[in-house]
Amino acid sequence: MTKAFESSRRDALQLAAALSAGTLVAGVPGTGLLAQSSRGLTGHPAPELDVGYWIDGDGEPASFSIKENAGKWIFLKCFQNWCPGCHSSGFPTLQRFSSEFYGHPKVAIAGIQTVFEGFRSNTQDDVRKLQLRYELPNVMGHDAGNPDAERRPDTMIKYRTGGTPWLILIDPEGTVAFNDFHVNQDKLIEFIHEQIA
């Protein structure tokens, strides 16, 4: 392990611990950004995405990768069309984050439909319908999984996600800073503003 990796991993673990304890956000005590479980890859390098279908805000074919967004804060929101929690909290969080940071040179945003159940209700066509319904300008992907092999989609496997809605936040060094279900929208937005100022 290189010193740079060890330092980056240590910093990410300290950030995650502080965030989950609600005691520290960017050096400000007591702000309580979010509560985080022990799932996922927090503190580890972010794996590359292997998503075969992406569309831009106009519904046109697009691409998105961790590598091409190196040096930015990367916000990934995993969802399913038929997921009630995605509609009640996941999409509103993605909407709010996009309205705040879409187009910012230090922030990249993507939504990914990670299908692990309800394969007929969580299709590629639904990705565009949801993008229009929630007026999302950011790229959206479809990670289909495999219903015949009972295999979860690659994004869920690589990031060890626990379902949907799921939020992954990757820091500019490429380390997973947050990987869990819930986030305090106000604190998250405040935190990112502080980081990119």
C-alpha atoms as a PDB file:
ATOM      1  CA  MET A   1       0.000   0.000   0.000  1.00  0.00           C
ATOM      2  CA  THR A   2       1.356   3.427  -0.934  1.00  0.00           C
ATOM      3  CA  LYS A   3       1.590   6.265   1.573  1.00  0.00           C
ATOM      4  CA  ALA A   4      -0.813   8.341  -0.527  1.00  0.00           C
ATOM      5  CA  PHE A   5      -3.410   5.542  -0.510  1.00  0.00           C
ATOM      6  CA  GLU A   6      -2.984   4.953   3.222  1.00  0.00           C
ATOM      7  CA  SER A   7      -3.393   8.673   3.906  1.00  0.00           C
ATOM      8  CA  SER A   8      -6.442   8.980   1.632  1.00  0.00           C
ATOM      9  CA  ARG A   9      -8.043   5.875   3.159  1.00  0.00           C
ATOM     10  CA  ARG A  10      -7.354   7.121   6.701  1.00  0.00           C
ATOM     11  CA  ASP A  11      -8.848  10.542   5.879  1.00  0.00           C
ATOM     12  CA  ALA A  12     -11.964   8.945   4.367  1.00  0.00           C
ATOM     13  CA  LEU A  13     -12.425   6.669   7.387  1.00  0.00           C
ATOM     14  CA  GLN A  14     -12.098   9.641   9.734  1.00  0.00           C
ATOM     15  CA  LEU A  15     -14.623  11.606   7.670  1.00  0.00           C
ATOM     16  CA  ALA A  16     -17.075   8.691   7.616  1.00  0.00           C
ATOM     17  CA  ALA A  17     -16.711   8.129  11.347  1.00  0.00           C
ATOM     18  CA  ALA A  18     -17.235  11.818  12.062  1.00  0.00           C
ATOM     19  CA  LEU A  19     -20.229  12.017   9.752  1.00  0.00           C
ATOM     20  CA  SER A  20     -21.908   8.946  11.170  1.00  0.00           C
ATOM     21  CA  ALA A  21     -21.333  10.170  14.710  1.00  0.00           C
ATOM     22  CA  GLY A  22     -22.772  13.541  13.733  1.00  0.00           C
ATOM     23  CA  THR A  23     -19.837  15.310  15.318  1.00  0.00           C
ATOM     24  CA  LEU A  24     -17.865  16.754  12.450  1.00  0.00           C
ATOM     25  CA  VAL A  25     -18.433  18.042   8.968  1.00  0.00           C
ATOM     26  CA  ALA A  26     -15.500  19.822   7.351  1.00  0.00           C
ATOM     27  CA  GLY A  27     -14.190  20.800  10.783  1.00  0.00           C
ATOM     28  CA  VAL A  28     -17.514  22.087  12.107  1.00  0.00           C
ATOM     29  CA  PRO A  29     -18.602  20.242  15.266  1.00  0.00           C
ATOM     30  CA  GLY A  30     -22.152  19.025  15.745  1.00  0.00           C
ATOM     31  CA  THR A  31     -23.526  19.443  12.233  1.00  0.00           C
ATOM     32  CA  GLY A  32     -24.760  15.831  11.850  1.00  0.00           C
ATOM     33  CA  LEU A  33     -24.575  15.359   8.077  1.00  0.00           C
ATOM     34  CA  LEU A  34     -25.753  11.768   8.022  1.00  0.00           C
ATOM     35  CA  ALA A  35     -25.919   8.457   9.778  1.00  0.00           C
ATOM     36  CA  GLN A  36     -24.032   5.651   8.091  1.00  0.00           C
ATOM     37  CA  SER A  37     -24.020   1.903   8.575  1.00  0.00           C
ATOM     38  CA  SER A  38     -20.982  -0.334   8.223  1.00  0.00           C
ATOM     39  CA  ARG A  39     -22.004  -1.443   4.713  1.00  0.00           C
ATOM     40  CA  GLY A  40     -20.268  -0.558   1.524  1.00  0.00           C
ATOM     41  CA  LEU A  41     -16.776   0.547   0.705  1.00  0.00           C
ATOM     42  CA  THR A  42     -16.404   3.670   2.793  1.00  0.00           C
ATOM     43  CA  GLY A  43     -12.731   4.567   3.014  1.00  0.00           C
ATOM     44  CA  HIS A  44     -11.739   2.442   0.024  1.00  0.00           C
ATOM     45  CA  PRO A  45     -10.946   3.381  -3.594  1.00  0.00           C
ATOM     46  CA  ALA A  46     -14.091   3.687  -5.696  1.00  0.00           C
ATOM     47  CA  PRO A  47     -14.399   0.875  -8.247  1.00  0.00           C
ATOM     48  CA  GLU A  48     -15.096   1.790 -11.865  1.00  0.00           C
ATOM     49  CA  LEU A  49     -18.704   1.503 -12.942  1.00  0.00           C
ATOM     50  CA  ASP A  50     -19.696  -1.147 -15.475  1.00  0.00           C
ATOM     51  CA  VAL A  51     -23.024   0.223 -16.659  1.00  0.00           C
ATOM     52  CA  GLY A  52     -23.898  -0.419 -20.299  1.00  0.00           C
ATOM     53  CA  TYR A  53     -26.730   2.102 -20.675  1.00  0.00           C
ATOM     54  CA  TRP A  54     -26.460   5.850 -20.022  1.00  0.00           C
ATOM     55  CA  ILE A  55     -28.530   8.798 -21.210  1.00  0.00           C
ATOM     56  CA  ASP A  56     -27.946  12.515 -20.791  1.00  0.00           C
ATOM     57  CA  GLY A  57     -30.518  15.071 -19.642  1.00  0.00           C
ATOM     58  CA  ASP A  58     -32.023  15.132 -23.141  1.00  0.00           C
ATOM     59  CA  GLY A  59     -32.439  11.366 -23.268  1.00  0.00           C
ATOM     60  CA  GLU A  60     -29.562  10.929 -25.716  1.00  0.00           C
ATOM     61  CA  PRO A  61     -26.928   8.171 -25.374  1.00  0.00           C
ATOM     62  CA  ALA A  62     -24.176   9.240 -22.993  1.00  0.00           C
ATOM     63  CA  SER A  63     -21.373   7.865 -20.866  1.00  0.00           C
ATOM     64  CA  PHE A  64     -20.251   8.227 -17.276  1.00  0.00           C
ATOM     65  CA  SER A  65     -17.266   6.845 -15.412  1.00  0.00           C
ATOM     66  CA  ILE A  66     -15.394   7.323 -12.174  1.00  0.00           C
ATOM     67  CA  LYS A  67     -12.137   7.767 -14.084  1.00  0.00           C
ATOM     68  CA  GLU A  68     -13.421  10.540 -16.368  1.00  0.00           C
ATOM     69  CA  ASN A  69     -14.628  12.433 -13.288  1.00  0.00           C
ATOM     70  CA  ALA A  70     -11.413  12.095 -11.279  1.00  0.00           C
ATOM     71  CA  GLY A  71     -10.714  15.166  -9.177  1.00  0.00           C
ATOM     72  CA  LYS A  72     -14.420  15.886  -8.588  1.00  0.00           C
ATOM     73  CA  TRP A  73     -16.900  15.058  -5.872  1.00  0.00           C
ATOM     74  CA  ILE A  74     -18.990  12.286  -7.440  1.00  0.00           C
ATOM     75  CA  PHE A  75     -22.585  11.841  -6.324  1.00  0.00           C
ATOM     76  CA  LEU A  76     -24.240   8.557  -7.368  1.00  0.00           C
ATOM     77  CA  LYS A  77     -27.869   7.849  -6.551  1.00  0.00           C
ATOM     78  CA  CYS A  78     -29.003   4.238  -7.013  1.00  0.00           C
ATOM     79  CA  PHE A  79     -32.730   3.672  -7.482  1.00  0.00           C
ATOM     80  CA  GLN A  80     -35.467   1.430  -8.851  1.00  0.00           C
ATOM     81  CA  ASN A  81     -38.628   2.656 -10.536  1.00  0.00           C
ATOM     82  CA  TRP A  82     -40.906   0.603  -8.307  1.00  0.00           C
ATOM     83  CA  CYS A  83     -39.155   1.526  -5.055  1.00  0.00           C
ATOM     84  CA  PRO A  84     -41.461   3.633  -2.805  1.00  0.00           C
ATOM     85  CA  GLY A  85     -38.496   4.987  -0.822  1.00  0.00           C
ATOM     86  CA  CYS A  86     -36.870   6.136  -4.055  1.00  0.00           C
ATOM     87  CA  HIS A  87     -39.912   8.278  -4.839  1.00  0.00           C
ATOM     88  CA  SER A  88     -40.399   9.592  -1.305  1.00  0.00           C
ATOM     89  CA  SER A  89     -36.750  10.391  -0.504  1.00  0.00           C
ATOM     90  CA  GLY A  90     -34.279   9.184  -3.150  1.00  0.00           C
ATOM     91  CA  PHE A  91     -35.461  11.235  -6.123  1.00  0.00           C
ATOM     92  CA  PRO A  92     -36.116  14.362  -4.044  1.00  0.00           C
ATOM     93  CA  THR A  93     -32.508  14.131  -2.786  1.00  0.00           C
ATOM     94  CA  LEU A  94     -31.194  13.665  -6.330  1.00  0.00           C
ATOM     95  CA  GLN A  95     -33.394  16.534  -7.548  1.00  0.00           C
ATOM     96  CA  ARG A  96     -32.196  18.888  -4.855  1.00  0.00           C
ATOM     97  CA  PHE A  97     -28.533  17.942  -5.258  1.00  0.00           C
ATOM     98  CA  SER A  98     -28.792  18.364  -9.049  1.00  0.00           C
ATOM     99  CA  SER A  99     -30.482  21.745  -8.757  1.00  0.00           C
ATOM    100  CA  GLU A 100     -27.664  22.868  -6.489  1.00  0.00           C
ATOM    101  CA  PHE A 101     -24.609  21.404  -8.249  1.00  0.00           C
ATOM    102  CA  TYR A 102     -25.431  20.285 -11.800  1.00  0.00           C
ATOM    103  CA  GLY A 103     -22.832  21.740 -14.164  1.00  0.00           C
ATOM    104  CA  HIS A 104     -20.389  22.681 -11.383  1.00  0.00           C
ATOM    105  CA  PRO A 105     -16.839  21.891 -12.536  1.00  0.00           C
ATOM    106  CA  LYS A 106     -15.963  20.226  -9.213  1.00  0.00           C
ATOM    107  CA  VAL A 107     -19.051  17.984  -8.966  1.00  0.00           C
ATOM    108  CA  ALA A 108     -20.313  15.060 -11.078  1.00  0.00           C
ATOM    109  CA  ILE A 109     -23.820  13.640 -10.664  1.00  0.00           C
ATOM    110  CA  ALA A 110     -25.395  10.426 -11.930  1.00  0.00           C
ATOM    111  CA  GLY A 111     -28.446   8.327 -11.186  1.00  0.00           C
ATOM    112  CA  ILE A 112     -28.264   4.556 -11.698  1.00  0.00           C
ATOM    113  CA  GLN A 113     -31.235   2.194 -11.774  1.00  0.00           C
ATOM    114  CA  THR A 114     -29.763  -0.859 -10.040  1.00  0.00           C
ATOM    115  CA  VAL A 115     -32.269  -3.612 -10.780  1.00  0.00           C
ATOM    116  CA  PHE A 116     -32.233  -6.558  -8.382  1.00  0.00           C
ATOM    117  CA  GLU A 117     -35.978  -7.298  -8.306  1.00  0.00           C
ATOM    118  CA  GLY A 118     -39.106  -6.336 -10.245  1.00  0.00           C
ATOM    119  CA  PHE A 119     -37.262  -6.663 -13.549  1.00  0.00           C
ATOM    120  CA  ARG A 120     -40.398  -5.947 -15.610  1.00  0.00           C
ATOM    121  CA  SER A 121     -41.111  -2.765 -13.652  1.00  0.00           C
ATOM    122  CA  ASN A 122     -37.574  -1.365 -13.668  1.00  0.00           C
ATOM    123  CA  THR A 123     -36.666  -1.085 -17.341  1.00  0.00           C
ATOM    124  CA  GLN A 124     -34.434   1.106 -19.489  1.00  0.00           C
ATOM    125  CA  ASP A 125     -37.533   2.974 -20.682  1.00  0.00           C
ATOM    126  CA  ASP A 126     -38.377   3.790 -17.072  1.00  0.00           C
ATOM    127  CA  VAL A 127     -35.033   5.570 -16.664  1.00  0.00           C
ATOM    128  CA  ARG A 128     -36.061   8.248 -19.175  1.00  0.00           C
ATOM    129  CA  LYS A 129     -39.597   8.476 -17.757  1.00  0.00           C
ATOM    130  CA  LEU A 130     -38.189   9.103 -14.280  1.00  0.00           C
ATOM    131  CA  GLN A 131     -35.692  11.624 -15.616  1.00  0.00           C
ATOM    132  CA  LEU A 132     -38.566  13.589 -17.180  1.00  0.00           C
ATOM    133  CA  ARG A 133     -40.891  13.170 -14.191  1.00  0.00           C
ATOM    134  CA  TYR A 134     -38.331  14.592 -11.777  1.00  0.00           C
ATOM    135  CA  GLU A 135     -36.838  17.078 -14.280  1.00  0.00           C
ATOM    136  CA  LEU A 136     -33.318  15.740 -13.816  1.00  0.00           C
ATOM    137  CA  PRO A 137     -30.592  17.235 -16.047  1.00  0.00           C
ATOM    138  CA  ASN A 138     -27.888  14.781 -14.976  1.00  0.00           C
ATOM    139  CA  VAL A 139     -26.904  11.527 -16.691  1.00  0.00           C
ATOM    140  CA  MET A 140     -28.904   8.440 -15.776  1.00  0.00           C
ATOM    141  CA  GLY A 141     -27.915   4.811 -16.173  1.00  0.00           C
ATOM    142  CA  HIS A 142     -29.519   1.378 -16.128  1.00  0.00           C
ATOM    143  CA  ASP A 143     -27.632  -1.507 -14.486  1.00  0.00           C
ATOM    144  CA  ALA A 144     -29.917  -4.417 -15.304  1.00  0.00           C
ATOM    145  CA  GLY A 145     -28.720  -7.313 -13.187  1.00  0.00           C
ATOM    146  CA  ASN A 146     -29.739 -10.786 -14.332  1.00  0.00           C
ATOM    147  CA  PRO A 147     -33.117 -12.241 -13.292  1.00  0.00           C
ATOM    148  CA  ASP A 148     -32.309 -15.681 -14.737  1.00  0.00           C
ATOM    149  CA  ALA A 149     -29.125 -16.067 -12.728  1.00  0.00           C
ATOM    150  CA  GLU A 150     -30.484 -14.309  -9.620  1.00  0.00           C
ATOM    151  CA  ARG A 151     -27.518 -11.964  -9.939  1.00  0.00           C
ATOM    152  CA  ARG A 152     -27.515  -8.447  -8.599  1.00  0.00           C
ATOM    153  CA  PRO A 153     -26.299  -5.631 -10.865  1.00  0.00           C
ATOM    154  CA  ASP A 154     -22.568  -4.909 -10.987  1.00  0.00           C
ATOM    155  CA  THR A 155     -22.916  -1.550  -9.220  1.00  0.00           C
ATOM    156  CA  MET A 156     -24.528  -3.244  -6.210  1.00  0.00           C
ATOM    157  CA  ILE A 157     -21.857  -5.945  -6.135  1.00  0.00           C
ATOM    158  CA  LYS A 158     -18.882  -3.602  -6.522  1.00  0.00           C
ATOM    159  CA  TYR A 159     -20.136  -1.031  -4.004  1.00  0.00           C
ATOM    160  CA  ARG A 160     -21.758  -3.594  -1.660  1.00  0.00           C
ATOM    161  CA  THR A 161     -24.973  -1.631  -1.595  1.00  0.00           C
ATOM    162  CA  GLY A 162     -27.931  -2.766   0.454  1.00  0.00           C
ATOM    163  CA  GLY A 163     -30.791  -1.875  -1.888  1.00  0.00           C
ATOM    164  CA  THR A 164     -32.485   1.309  -3.012  1.00  0.00           C
ATOM    165  CA  PRO A 165     -32.527   4.230  -2.618  1.00  0.00           C
ATOM    166  CA  TRP A 166     -28.787   4.234  -2.076  1.00  0.00           C
ATOM    167  CA  LEU A 167     -26.326   7.124  -2.109  1.00  0.00           C
ATOM    168  CA  ILE A 168     -22.628   6.869  -2.929  1.00  0.00           C
ATOM    169  CA  LEU A 169     -20.385   9.909  -2.459  1.00  0.00           C
ATOM    170  CA  ILE A 170     -16.827   9.741  -3.790  1.00  0.00           C
ATOM    171  CA  ASP A 171     -14.222  12.353  -2.922  1.00  0.00           C
ATOM    172  CA  PRO A 172     -11.887  14.026  -5.460  1.00  0.00           C
ATOM    173  CA  GLU A 173      -9.112  11.532  -4.632  1.00  0.00           C
ATOM    174  CA  GLY A 174     -11.370   8.664  -5.709  1.00  0.00           C
ATOM    175  CA  THR A 175     -12.142   7.371  -2.217  1.00  0.00           C
ATOM    176  CA  VAL A 176     -15.661   6.395  -1.175  1.00  0.00           C
ATOM    177  CA  ALA A 177     -16.633   8.964   1.468  1.00  0.00           C
ATOM    178  CA  PHE A 178     -20.231   7.811   1.999  1.00  0.00           C
ATOM    179  CA  ASN A 179     -22.120   4.662   0.984  1.00  0.00           C
ATOM    180  CA  ASP A 180     -25.558   4.129   2.582  1.00  0.00           C
ATOM    181  CA  PHE A 181     -29.343   4.600   2.431  1.00  0.00           C
ATOM    182  CA  HIS A 182     -30.077   7.959   4.052  1.00  0.00           C
ATOM    183  CA  VAL A 183     -28.615  11.441   4.111  1.00  0.00           C
ATOM    184  CA  ASN A 184     -29.605  14.797   5.547  1.00  0.00           C
ATOM    185  CA  GLN A 185     -30.063  16.847   2.348  1.00  0.00           C
ATOM    186  CA  ASP A 186     -29.337  20.214   3.957  1.00  0.00           C
ATOM    187  CA  LYS A 187     -26.158  19.020   5.636  1.00  0.00           C
ATOM    188  CA  LEU A 188     -24.968  17.221   2.509  1.00  0.00           C
ATOM    189  CA  ILE A 189     -25.406  20.345   0.390  1.00  0.00           C
ATOM    190  CA  GLU A 190     -23.731  22.496   3.027  1.00  0.00           C
ATOM    191  CA  PHE A 191     -20.857  20.009   3.249  1.00  0.00           C
ATOM    192  CA  ILE A 192     -20.272  19.950  -0.524  1.00  0.00           C
ATOM    193  CA  HIS A 193     -20.418  23.750  -0.743  1.00  0.00           C
ATOM    194  CA  GLU A 194     -17.718  23.914   1.924  1.00  0.00           C
ATOM    195  CA  GLN A 195     -15.566  21.387   0.086  1.00  0.00           C
ATOM    196  CA  ILE A 196     -15.712  23.117  -3.301  1.00  0.00           C
ATOM    197  CA  ALA A 197     -15.422  26.720  -2.058  1.00  0.00           C
END
